[in-house]
Amino acid sequence: MEFDWNNPPFNLNSSLTPKDIEESFEDPFAVRLLPDSPRFSVQARFFNLGMSANSIGIFSVFRTNGKQLRIIEARPFEPEERFFYQRKMEQTLSQSGSG
């Protein structure tokens, strides 16, 4: 999957790089969600919670046309998001270990 970094609609600050954000999508434990809100129904937007190779937890809002990902917003995890991500990762690991 390609990323569209032309004129990102948010400021990339020094804490996150495009590489960090891309790596968070490659995380095998990344959690992708379709928000259940009419606010996002005009253009399908998705959430991704994943870790970069540097162990930075990144929450991203994105849209896709099936070929390219367009990041709308990205920021480091809030404590609740880190908890949710870790819980999902532990569930996945425990399910794969019991099979």
PDB file of N, CA and C in Angstrom:
ATOM      1  N   MET A   1       0.846  -1.174   0.000  1.00  0.00           N
ATOM      2  CA  MET A   1       0.000   0.000   0.000  1.00  0.00           C
ATOM      3  C   MET A   1       0.894   1.241   0.000  1.00  0.00           C
ATOM      4  N   GLU A   2       0.559   2.188  -0.835  1.00  0.00           N
ATOM      5  CA  GLU A   2       1.308   3.440  -0.925  1.00  0.00           C
ATOM      6  C   GLU A   2       0.692   4.499  -0.029  1.00  0.00           C
ATOM      7  N   PHE A   3       1.520   5.404   0.425  1.00  0.00           N
ATOM      8  CA  PHE A   3       1.053   6.529   1.232  1.00  0.00           C
ATOM      9  C   PHE A   3       1.110   7.793   0.396  1.00  0.00           C
ATOM     10  N   ASP A   4       0.089   8.605   0.490  1.00  0.00           N
ATOM     11  CA  ASP A   4       0.033   9.887  -0.192  1.00  0.00           C
ATOM     12  C   ASP A   4       0.471  10.962   0.802  1.00  0.00           C
ATOM     13  N   TRP A   5       1.702  11.462   0.636  1.00  0.00           N
ATOM     14  CA  TRP A   5       2.233  12.480   1.545  1.00  0.00           C
ATOM     15  C   TRP A   5       2.211  13.873   0.912  1.00  0.00           C
ATOM     16  N   ASN A   6       1.531  14.051  -0.231  1.00  0.00           N
ATOM     17  CA  ASN A   6       1.433  15.370  -0.858  1.00  0.00           C
ATOM     18  C   ASN A   6       0.540  16.268  -0.024  1.00  0.00           C
ATOM     19  N   ASN A   7       1.082  17.351   0.452  1.00  0.00           N
ATOM     20  CA  ASN A   7       0.343  18.324   1.252  1.00  0.00           C
ATOM     21  C   ASN A   7      -0.492  17.682   2.353  1.00  0.00           C
ATOM     22  N   PRO A   8       0.148  17.055   3.325  1.00  0.00           N
ATOM     23  CA  PRO A   8      -0.636  16.444   4.403  1.00  0.00           C
ATOM     24  C   PRO A   8      -1.501  17.504   5.087  1.00  0.00           C
ATOM     25  N   PRO A   9      -2.736  17.143   5.453  1.00  0.00           N
ATOM     26  CA  PRO A   9      -3.650  18.121   6.050  1.00  0.00           C
ATOM     27  C   PRO A   9      -3.370  18.404   7.531  1.00  0.00           C
ATOM     28  N   PHE A  10      -2.208  18.002   8.004  1.00  0.00           N
ATOM     29  CA  PHE A  10      -1.828  18.263   9.388  1.00  0.00           C
ATOM     30  C   PHE A  10      -0.336  18.540   9.402  1.00  0.00           C
ATOM     31  N   ASN A  11       0.134  19.150  10.474  1.00  0.00           N
ATOM     32  CA  ASN A  11       1.555  19.460  10.593  1.00  0.00           C
ATOM     33  C   ASN A  11       2.309  18.250  11.113  1.00  0.00           C
ATOM     34  N   LEU A  12       3.307  17.844  10.360  1.00  0.00           N
ATOM     35  CA  LEU A  12       4.196  16.793  10.851  1.00  0.00           C
ATOM     36  C   LEU A  12       5.182  17.487  11.779  1.00  0.00           C
ATOM     37  N   ASN A  13       5.097  17.181  13.054  1.00  0.00           N
ATOM     38  CA  ASN A  13       6.033  17.801  13.979  1.00  0.00           C
ATOM     39  C   ASN A  13       7.227  16.872  14.181  1.00  0.00           C
ATOM     40  N   SER A  14       8.165  17.283  14.958  1.00  0.00           N
ATOM     41  CA  SER A  14       9.395  16.515  15.107  1.00  0.00           C
ATOM     42  C   SER A  14       9.203  15.207  15.864  1.00  0.00           C
ATOM     43  N   SER A  15       8.056  15.049  16.559  1.00  0.00           N
ATOM     44  CA  SER A  15       7.881  13.811  17.328  1.00  0.00           C
ATOM     45  C   SER A  15       7.482  12.630  16.456  1.00  0.00           C
ATOM     46  N   LEU A  16       6.858  12.871  15.297  1.00  0.00           N
ATOM     47  CA  LEU A  16       6.471  11.790  14.382  1.00  0.00           C
ATOM     48  C   LEU A  16       6.964  12.098  12.978  1.00  0.00           C
ATOM     49  N   THR A  17       7.531  11.105  12.349  1.00  0.00           N
ATOM     50  CA  THR A  17       7.967  11.251  10.965  1.00  0.00           C
ATOM     51  C   THR A  17       7.050  10.421  10.067  1.00  0.00           C
ATOM     52  N   PRO A  18       7.034  10.714   8.768  1.00  0.00           N
ATOM     53  CA  PRO A  18       6.263   9.852   7.863  1.00  0.00           C
ATOM     54  C   PRO A  18       6.673   8.387   7.978  1.00  0.00           C
ATOM     55  N   LYS A  19       7.961   8.134   8.205  1.00  0.00           N
ATOM     56  CA  LYS A  19       8.436   6.754   8.352  1.00  0.00           C
ATOM     57  C   LYS A  19       7.811   6.088   9.580  1.00  0.00           C
ATOM     58  N   ASP A  20       7.767   6.809  10.711  1.00  0.00           N
ATOM     59  CA  ASP A  20       7.129   6.270  11.925  1.00  0.00           C
ATOM     60  C   ASP A  20       5.672   5.908  11.657  1.00  0.00           C
ATOM     61  N   ILE A  21       4.963   6.821  10.980  1.00  0.00           N
ATOM     62  CA  ILE A  21       3.543   6.603  10.709  1.00  0.00           C
ATOM     63  C   ILE A  21       3.365   5.391   9.796  1.00  0.00           C
ATOM     64  N   GLU A  22       4.164   5.296   8.742  1.00  0.00           N
ATOM     65  CA  GLU A  22       4.075   4.143   7.835  1.00  0.00           C
ATOM     66  C   GLU A  22       4.367   2.844   8.577  1.00  0.00           C
ATOM     67  N   GLU A  23       5.363   2.855   9.447  1.00  0.00           N
ATOM     68  CA  GLU A  23       5.700   1.651  10.220  1.00  0.00           C
ATOM     69  C   GLU A  23       4.548   1.223  11.119  1.00  0.00           C
ATOM     70  N   SER A  24       3.780   2.195  11.625  1.00  0.00           N
ATOM     71  CA  SER A  24       2.660   1.838  12.506  1.00  0.00           C
ATOM     72  C   SER A  24       1.581   1.067  11.742  1.00  0.00           C
ATOM     73  N   PHE A  25       1.514   1.237  10.432  1.00  0.00           N
ATOM     74  CA  PHE A  25       0.566   0.480   9.613  1.00  0.00           C
ATOM     75  C   PHE A  25       1.101  -0.923   9.303  1.00  0.00           C
ATOM     76  N   GLU A  26       2.416  -1.095   9.370  1.00  0.00           N
ATOM     77  CA  GLU A  26       3.041  -2.396   9.114  1.00  0.00           C
ATOM     78  C   GLU A  26       3.081  -3.269  10.369  1.00  0.00           C
ATOM     79  N   ASP A  27       2.761  -2.702  11.512  1.00  0.00           N
ATOM     80  CA  ASP A  27       2.746  -3.422  12.783  1.00  0.00           C
ATOM     81  C   ASP A  27       1.786  -4.613  12.674  1.00  0.00           C
ATOM     82  N   PRO A  28       2.267  -5.841  12.921  1.00  0.00           N
ATOM     83  CA  PRO A  28       1.367  -6.999  12.806  1.00  0.00           C
ATOM     84  C   PRO A  28       0.235  -6.980  13.834  1.00  0.00           C
ATOM     85  N   PHE A  29       0.355  -6.178  14.877  1.00  0.00           N
ATOM     86  CA  PHE A  29      -0.694  -6.084  15.888  1.00  0.00           C
ATOM     87  C   PHE A  29      -1.521  -4.804  15.747  1.00  0.00           C
ATOM     88  N   ALA A  30      -1.326  -4.066  14.655  1.00  0.00           N
ATOM     89  CA  ALA A  30      -2.079  -2.823  14.458  1.00  0.00           C
ATOM     90  C   ALA A  30      -3.574  -3.116  14.484  1.00  0.00           C
ATOM     91  N   VAL A  31      -4.310  -2.182  15.060  1.00  0.00           N
ATOM     92  CA  VAL A  31      -5.760  -2.299  15.154  1.00  0.00           C
ATOM     93  C   VAL A  31      -6.360  -1.261  14.212  1.00  0.00           C
ATOM     94  N   ARG A  32      -7.177  -1.721  13.265  1.00  0.00           N
ATOM     95  CA  ARG A  32      -7.844  -0.808  12.341  1.00  0.00           C
ATOM     96  C   ARG A  32      -9.335  -0.846  12.616  1.00  0.00           C
ATOM     97  N   LEU A  33      -9.911   0.336  12.699  1.00  0.00           N
ATOM     98  CA  LEU A  33     -11.325   0.453  13.050  1.00  0.00           C
ATOM     99  C   LEU A  33     -12.037   1.386  12.087  1.00  0.00           C
ATOM    100  N   LEU A  34     -13.292   1.070  11.804  1.00  0.00           N
ATOM    101  CA  LEU A  34     -14.172   1.965  11.070  1.00  0.00           C
ATOM    102  C   LEU A  34     -15.055   2.638  12.109  1.00  0.00           C
ATOM    103  N   PRO A  35     -14.936   3.954  12.267  1.00  0.00           N
ATOM    104  CA  PRO A  35     -15.719   4.620  13.303  1.00  0.00           C
ATOM    105  C   PRO A  35     -17.218   4.499  13.026  1.00  0.00           C
ATOM    106  N   ASP A  36     -17.959   4.278  14.074  1.00  0.00           N
ATOM    107  CA  ASP A  36     -19.408   4.161  13.985  1.00  0.00           C
ATOM    108  C   ASP A  36     -20.012   5.518  14.321  1.00  0.00           C
ATOM    109  N   SER A  37     -19.900   6.446  13.375  1.00  0.00           N
ATOM    110  CA  SER A  37     -20.379   7.800  13.619  1.00  0.00           C
ATOM    111  C   SER A  37     -20.823   8.429  12.302  1.00  0.00           C
ATOM    112  N   PRO A  38     -21.972   9.086  12.268  1.00  0.00           N
ATOM    113  CA  PRO A  38     -22.410   9.750  11.041  1.00  0.00           C
ATOM    114  C   PRO A  38     -21.438  10.834  10.590  1.00  0.00           C
ATOM    115  N   ARG A  39     -20.666  11.340  11.530  1.00  0.00           N
ATOM    116  CA  ARG A  39     -19.692  12.383  11.207  1.00  0.00           C
ATOM    117  C   ARG A  39     -18.691  11.914  10.153  1.00  0.00           C
ATOM    118  N   PHE A  40     -18.392  10.614  10.143  1.00  0.00           N
ATOM    119  CA  PHE A  40     -17.403  10.081   9.218  1.00  0.00           C
ATOM    120  C   PHE A  40     -18.029   9.404   7.997  1.00  0.00           C
ATOM    121  N   SER A  41     -19.347   9.460   7.855  1.00  0.00           N
ATOM    122  CA  SER A  41     -20.000   8.698   6.792  1.00  0.00           C
ATOM    123  C   SER A  41     -19.885   9.331   5.407  1.00  0.00           C
ATOM    124  N   VAL A  42     -19.621  10.623   5.311  1.00  0.00           N
ATOM    125  CA  VAL A  42     -19.504  11.276   4.004  1.00  0.00           C
ATOM    126  C   VAL A  42     -18.317  10.711   3.235  1.00  0.00           C
ATOM    127  N   GLN A  43     -17.177  10.702   3.845  1.00  0.00           N
ATOM    128  CA  GLN A  43     -15.995  10.053   3.282  1.00  0.00           C
ATOM    129  C   GLN A  43     -15.563   9.026   4.308  1.00  0.00           C
ATOM    130  N   ALA A  44     -15.488   7.782   3.885  1.00  0.00           N
ATOM    131  CA  ALA A  44     -15.107   6.725   4.826  1.00  0.00           C
ATOM    132  C   ALA A  44     -13.723   7.019   5.388  1.00  0.00           C
ATOM    133  N   ARG A  45     -13.675   7.151   6.674  1.00  0.00           N
ATOM    134  CA  ARG A  45     -12.404   7.371   7.368  1.00  0.00           C
ATOM    135  C   ARG A  45     -12.233   6.259   8.372  1.00  0.00           C
ATOM    136  N   PHE A  46     -10.994   5.880   8.554  1.00  0.00           N
ATOM    137  CA  PHE A  46     -10.665   4.759   9.409  1.00  0.00           C
ATOM    138  C   PHE A  46      -9.660   5.203  10.449  1.00  0.00           C
ATOM    139  N   PHE A  47      -9.576   4.432  11.530  1.00  0.00           N
ATOM    140  CA  PHE A  47      -8.586   4.662  12.572  1.00  0.00           C
ATOM    141  C   PHE A  47      -7.580   3.527  12.537  1.00  0.00           C
ATOM    142  N   ASN A  48      -6.327   3.857  12.816  1.00  0.00           N
ATOM    143  CA  ASN A  48      -5.283   2.844  12.952  1.00  0.00           C
ATOM    144  C   ASN A  48      -4.535   3.118  14.243  1.00  0.00           C
ATOM    145  N   LEU A  49      -4.356   2.068  15.040  1.00  0.00           N
ATOM    146  CA  LEU A  49      -3.511   2.150  16.225  1.00  0.00           C
ATOM    147  C   LEU A  49      -2.399   1.145  16.017  1.00  0.00           C
ATOM    148  N   GLY A  50      -1.179   1.628  15.947  1.00  0.00           N
ATOM    149  CA  GLY A  50      -0.050   0.741  15.714  1.00  0.00           C
ATOM    150  C   GLY A  50       1.226   1.310  16.286  1.00  0.00           C
ATOM    151  N   MET A  51       2.235   0.452  16.349  1.00  0.00           N
ATOM    152  CA  MET A  51       3.531   0.849  16.892  1.00  0.00           C
ATOM    153  C   MET A  51       4.550   0.995  15.763  1.00  0.00           C
ATOM    154  N   SER A  52       5.402   2.006  15.876  1.00  0.00           N
ATOM    155  CA  SER A  52       6.503   2.155  14.932  1.00  0.00           C
ATOM    156  C   SER A  52       7.635   1.221  15.349  1.00  0.00           C
ATOM    157  N   ALA A  53       8.648   1.110  14.516  1.00  0.00           N
ATOM    158  CA  ALA A  53       9.807   0.281  14.850  1.00  0.00           C
ATOM    159  C   ALA A  53      10.534   0.821  16.085  1.00  0.00           C
ATOM    160  N   ASN A  54      10.371   2.110  16.371  1.00  0.00           N
ATOM    161  CA  ASN A  54      10.978   2.737  17.556  1.00  0.00           C
ATOM    162  C   ASN A  54      10.083   2.634  18.783  1.00  0.00           C
ATOM    163  N   SER A  55       9.046   1.789  18.715  1.00  0.00           N
ATOM    164  CA  SER A  55       8.095   1.583  19.821  1.00  0.00           C
ATOM    165  C   SER A  55       7.308   2.834  20.176  1.00  0.00           C
ATOM    166  N   ILE A  56       7.014   3.649  19.179  1.00  0.00           N
ATOM    167  CA  ILE A  56       6.151   4.805  19.385  1.00  0.00           C
ATOM    168  C   ILE A  56       4.736   4.369  19.012  1.00  0.00           C
ATOM    169  N   GLY A  57       3.813   4.467  19.964  1.00  0.00           N
ATOM    170  CA  GLY A  57       2.421   4.165  19.677  1.00  0.00           C
ATOM    171  C   GLY A  57       1.804   5.321  18.914  1.00  0.00           C
ATOM    172  N   ILE A  58       1.195   5.036  17.752  1.00  0.00           N
ATOM    173  CA  ILE A  58       0.667   6.094  16.896  1.00  0.00           C
ATOM    174  C   ILE A  58      -0.802   5.832  16.588  1.00  0.00           C
ATOM    175  N   PHE A  59      -1.621   6.853  16.831  1.00  0.00           N
ATOM    176  CA  PHE A  59      -3.028   6.845  16.464  1.00  0.00           C
ATOM    177  C   PHE A  59      -3.148   7.661  15.182  1.00  0.00           C
ATOM    178  N   SER A  60      -3.732   7.066  14.132  1.00  0.00           N
ATOM    179  CA  SER A  60      -3.899   7.758  12.860  1.00  0.00           C
ATOM    180  C   SER A  60      -5.344   7.689  12.401  1.00  0.00           C
ATOM    181  N   VAL A  61      -5.772   8.751  11.770  1.00  0.00           N
ATOM    182  CA  VAL A  61      -7.043   8.776  11.053  1.00  0.00           C
ATOM    183  C   VAL A  61      -6.659   8.825   9.583  1.00  0.00           C
ATOM    184  N   PHE A  62      -7.263   7.940   8.784  1.00  0.00           N
ATOM    185  CA  PHE A  62      -6.883   7.885   7.378  1.00  0.00           C
ATOM    186  C   PHE A  62      -8.073   7.527   6.503  1.00  0.00           C
ATOM    187  N   ARG A  63      -7.887   7.746   5.220  1.00  0.00           N
ATOM    188  CA  ARG A  63      -8.836   7.262   4.227  1.00  0.00           C
ATOM    189  C   ARG A  63      -8.030   6.556   3.150  1.00  0.00           C
ATOM    190  N   THR A  64      -8.713   5.736   2.373  1.00  0.00           N
ATOM    191  CA  THR A  64      -8.020   4.979   1.336  1.00  0.00           C
ATOM    192  C   THR A  64      -8.929   4.770   0.144  1.00  0.00           C
ATOM    193  N   ASN A  65      -8.308   4.681  -1.021  1.00  0.00           N
ATOM    194  CA  ASN A  65      -9.046   4.342  -2.232  1.00  0.00           C
ATOM    195  C   ASN A  65      -8.741   2.898  -2.648  1.00  0.00           C
ATOM    196  N   GLY A  66      -8.098   2.152  -1.763  1.00  0.00           N
ATOM    197  CA  GLY A  66      -7.723   0.771  -2.057  1.00  0.00           C
ATOM    198  C   GLY A  66      -6.306   0.641  -2.577  1.00  0.00           C
ATOM    199  N   LYS A  67      -5.737   1.737  -3.046  1.00  0.00           N
ATOM    200  CA  LYS A  67      -4.362   1.726  -3.560  1.00  0.00           C
ATOM    201  C   LYS A  67      -3.442   2.625  -2.747  1.00  0.00           C
ATOM    202  N   GLN A  68      -3.988   3.732  -2.282  1.00  0.00           N
ATOM    203  CA  GLN A  68      -3.196   4.686  -1.513  1.00  0.00           C
ATOM    204  C   GLN A  68      -3.881   4.982  -0.183  1.00  0.00           C
ATOM    205  N   LEU A  69      -3.043   5.230   0.816  1.00  0.00           N
ATOM    206  CA  LEU A  69      -3.526   5.685   2.119  1.00  0.00           C
ATOM    207  C   LEU A  69      -3.246   7.178   2.223  1.00  0.00           C
ATOM    208  N   ARG A  70      -4.217   7.914   2.658  1.00  0.00           N
ATOM    209  CA  ARG A  70      -4.058   9.345   2.900  1.00  0.00           C
ATOM    210  C   ARG A  70      -4.256   9.575   4.395  1.00  0.00           C
ATOM    211  N   ILE A  71      -3.187   9.980   5.059  1.00  0.00           N
ATOM    212  CA  ILE A  71      -3.248  10.239   6.497  1.00  0.00           C
ATOM    213  C   ILE A  71      -3.866  11.613   6.708  1.00  0.00           C
ATOM    214  N   ILE A  72      -4.907  11.654   7.518  1.00  0.00           N
ATOM    215  CA  ILE A  72      -5.602  12.902   7.800  1.00  0.00           C
ATOM    216  C   ILE A  72      -5.082  13.510   9.099  1.00  0.00           C
ATOM    217  N   GLU A  73      -4.765  12.657  10.050  1.00  0.00           N
ATOM    218  CA  GLU A  73      -4.206  13.101  11.333  1.00  0.00           C
ATOM    219  C   GLU A  73      -3.418  11.953  11.927  1.00  0.00           C
ATOM    220  N   ALA A  74      -2.336  12.272  12.590  1.00  0.00           N
ATOM    221  CA  ALA A  74      -1.536  11.264  13.296  1.00  0.00           C
ATOM    222  C   ALA A  74      -0.922  11.918  14.524  1.00  0.00           C
ATOM    223  N   ARG A  75      -0.906  11.149  15.601  1.00  0.00           N
ATOM    224  CA  ARG A  75      -0.335  11.652  16.858  1.00  0.00           C
ATOM    225  C   ARG A  75       0.049  10.458  17.719  1.00  0.00           C
ATOM    226  N   PRO A  76       0.909  10.688  18.708  1.00  0.00           N
ATOM    227  CA  PRO A  76       1.241   9.599  19.632  1.00  0.00           C
ATOM    228  C   PRO A  76       0.005   9.161  20.421  1.00  0.00           C
ATOM    229  N   PHE A  77       0.040   7.904  20.860  1.00  0.00           N
ATOM    230  CA  PHE A  77      -1.058   7.355  21.664  1.00  0.00           C
ATOM    231  C   PHE A  77      -1.333   8.210  22.894  1.00  0.00           C
ATOM    232  N   GLU A  78      -2.606   8.285  23.245  1.00  0.00           N
ATOM    233  CA  GLU A  78      -3.033   8.742  24.571  1.00  0.00           C
ATOM    234  C   GLU A  78      -2.973   7.497  25.465  1.00  0.00           C
ATOM    235  N   PRO A  79      -2.941   7.642  26.791  1.00  0.00           N
ATOM    236  CA  PRO A  79      -2.863   6.465  27.675  1.00  0.00           C
ATOM    237  C   PRO A  79      -3.973   5.437  27.426  1.00  0.00           C
ATOM    238  N   GLU A  80      -5.205   5.892  27.147  1.00  0.00           N
ATOM    239  CA  GLU A  80      -6.307   4.960  26.904  1.00  0.00           C
ATOM    240  C   GLU A  80      -6.086   4.147  25.624  1.00  0.00           C
ATOM    241  N   GLU A  81      -5.525   4.791  24.621  1.00  0.00           N
ATOM    242  CA  GLU A  81      -5.260   4.103  23.348  1.00  0.00           C
ATOM    243  C   GLU A  81      -4.159   3.063  23.525  1.00  0.00           C
ATOM    244  N   ARG A  82      -3.150   3.398  24.302  1.00  0.00           N
ATOM    245  CA  ARG A  82      -2.079   2.430  24.577  1.00  0.00           C
ATOM    246  C   ARG A  82      -2.655   1.211  25.298  1.00  0.00           C
ATOM    247  N   PHE A  83      -3.537   1.445  26.272  1.00  0.00           N
ATOM    248  CA  PHE A  83      -4.176   0.352  27.000  1.00  0.00           C
ATOM    249  C   PHE A  83      -4.998  -0.518  26.039  1.00  0.00           C
ATOM    250  N   PHE A  84      -5.803   0.105  25.187  1.00  0.00           N
ATOM    251  CA  PHE A  84      -6.634  -0.611  24.221  1.00  0.00           C
ATOM    252  C   PHE A  84      -5.759  -1.440  23.274  1.00  0.00           C
ATOM    253  N   TYR A  85      -4.692  -0.821  22.746  1.00  0.00           N
ATOM    254  CA  TYR A  85      -3.780  -1.513  21.838  1.00  0.00           C
ATOM    255  C   TYR A  85      -3.156  -2.728  22.535  1.00  0.00           C
ATOM    256  N   GLN A  86      -2.650  -2.539  23.743  1.00  0.00           N
ATOM    257  CA  GLN A  86      -1.993  -3.631  24.463  1.00  0.00           C
ATOM    258  C   GLN A  86      -2.975  -4.759  24.778  1.00  0.00           C
ATOM    259  N   ARG A  87      -4.212  -4.403  25.138  1.00  0.00           N
ATOM    260  CA  ARG A  87      -5.217  -5.419  25.414  1.00  0.00           C
ATOM    261  C   ARG A  87      -5.528  -6.235  24.163  1.00  0.00           C
ATOM    262  N   LYS A  88      -5.684  -5.559  23.014  1.00  0.00           N
ATOM    263  CA  LYS A  88      -5.946  -6.262  21.752  1.00  0.00           C
ATOM    264  C   LYS A  88      -4.768  -7.158  21.368  1.00  0.00           C
ATOM    265  N   MET A  89      -3.545  -6.674  21.575  1.00  0.00           N
ATOM    266  CA  MET A  89      -2.363  -7.466  21.255  1.00  0.00           C
ATOM    267  C   MET A  89      -2.310  -8.710  22.120  1.00  0.00           C
ATOM    268  N   GLU A  90      -2.583  -8.557  23.417  1.00  0.00           N
ATOM    269  CA  GLU A  90      -2.581  -9.720  24.330  1.00  0.00           C
ATOM    270  C   GLU A  90      -3.667 -10.716  23.952  1.00  0.00           C
ATOM    271  N   GLN A  91      -4.841 -10.238  23.545  1.00  0.00           N
ATOM    272  CA  GLN A  91      -5.921 -11.143  23.101  1.00  0.00           C
ATOM    273  C   GLN A  91      -5.477 -11.936  21.870  1.00  0.00           C
ATOM    274  N   THR A  92      -4.849 -11.254  20.929  1.00  0.00           N
ATOM    275  CA  THR A  92      -4.387 -11.913  19.708  1.00  0.00           C
ATOM    276  C   THR A  92      -3.345 -12.955  20.020  1.00  0.00           C
ATOM    277  N   LEU A  93      -2.403 -12.627  20.890  1.00  0.00           N
ATOM    278  CA  LEU A  93      -1.345 -13.573  21.257  1.00  0.00           C
ATOM    279  C   LEU A  93      -1.908 -14.775  22.009  1.00  0.00           C
ATOM    280  N   SER A  94      -2.863 -14.546  22.899  1.00  0.00           N
ATOM    281  CA  SER A  94      -3.421 -15.672  23.650  1.00  0.00           C
ATOM    282  C   SER A  94      -4.265 -16.579  22.750  1.00  0.00           C
ATOM    283  N   GLN A  95      -4.942 -16.002  21.757  1.00  0.00           N
ATOM    284  CA  GLN A  95      -5.729 -16.817  20.826  1.00  0.00           C
ATOM    285  C   GLN A  95      -4.828 -17.634  19.912  1.00  0.00           C
ATOM    286  N   SER A  96      -3.716 -17.042  19.473  1.00  0.00           N
ATOM    287  CA  SER A  96      -2.822 -17.789  18.576  1.00  0.00           C
ATOM    288  C   SER A  96      -2.054 -18.878  19.323  1.00  0.00           C
ATOM    289  N   GLY A  97      -1.850 -18.681  20.639  1.00  0.00           N
ATOM    290  CA  GLY A  97      -1.151 -19.674  21.421  1.00  0.00           C
ATOM    291  C   GLY A  97      -2.011 -20.852  21.850  1.00  0.00           C
ATOM    292  N   SER A  98      -3.347 -20.667  21.804  1.00  0.00           N
ATOM    293  CA  SER A  98      -4.228 -21.746  22.244  1.00  0.00           C
ATOM    294  C   SER A  98      -4.711 -22.630  21.101  1.00  0.00           C
ATOM    295  N   GLY A  99      -4.264 -22.333  19.874  1.00  0.00           N
ATOM    296  CA  GLY A  99      -4.775 -23.076  18.734  1.00  0.00           C
ATOM    297  C   GLY A  99      -3.934 -24.170  18.346  1.00  0.00           C
TER     298      GLY A  99
END
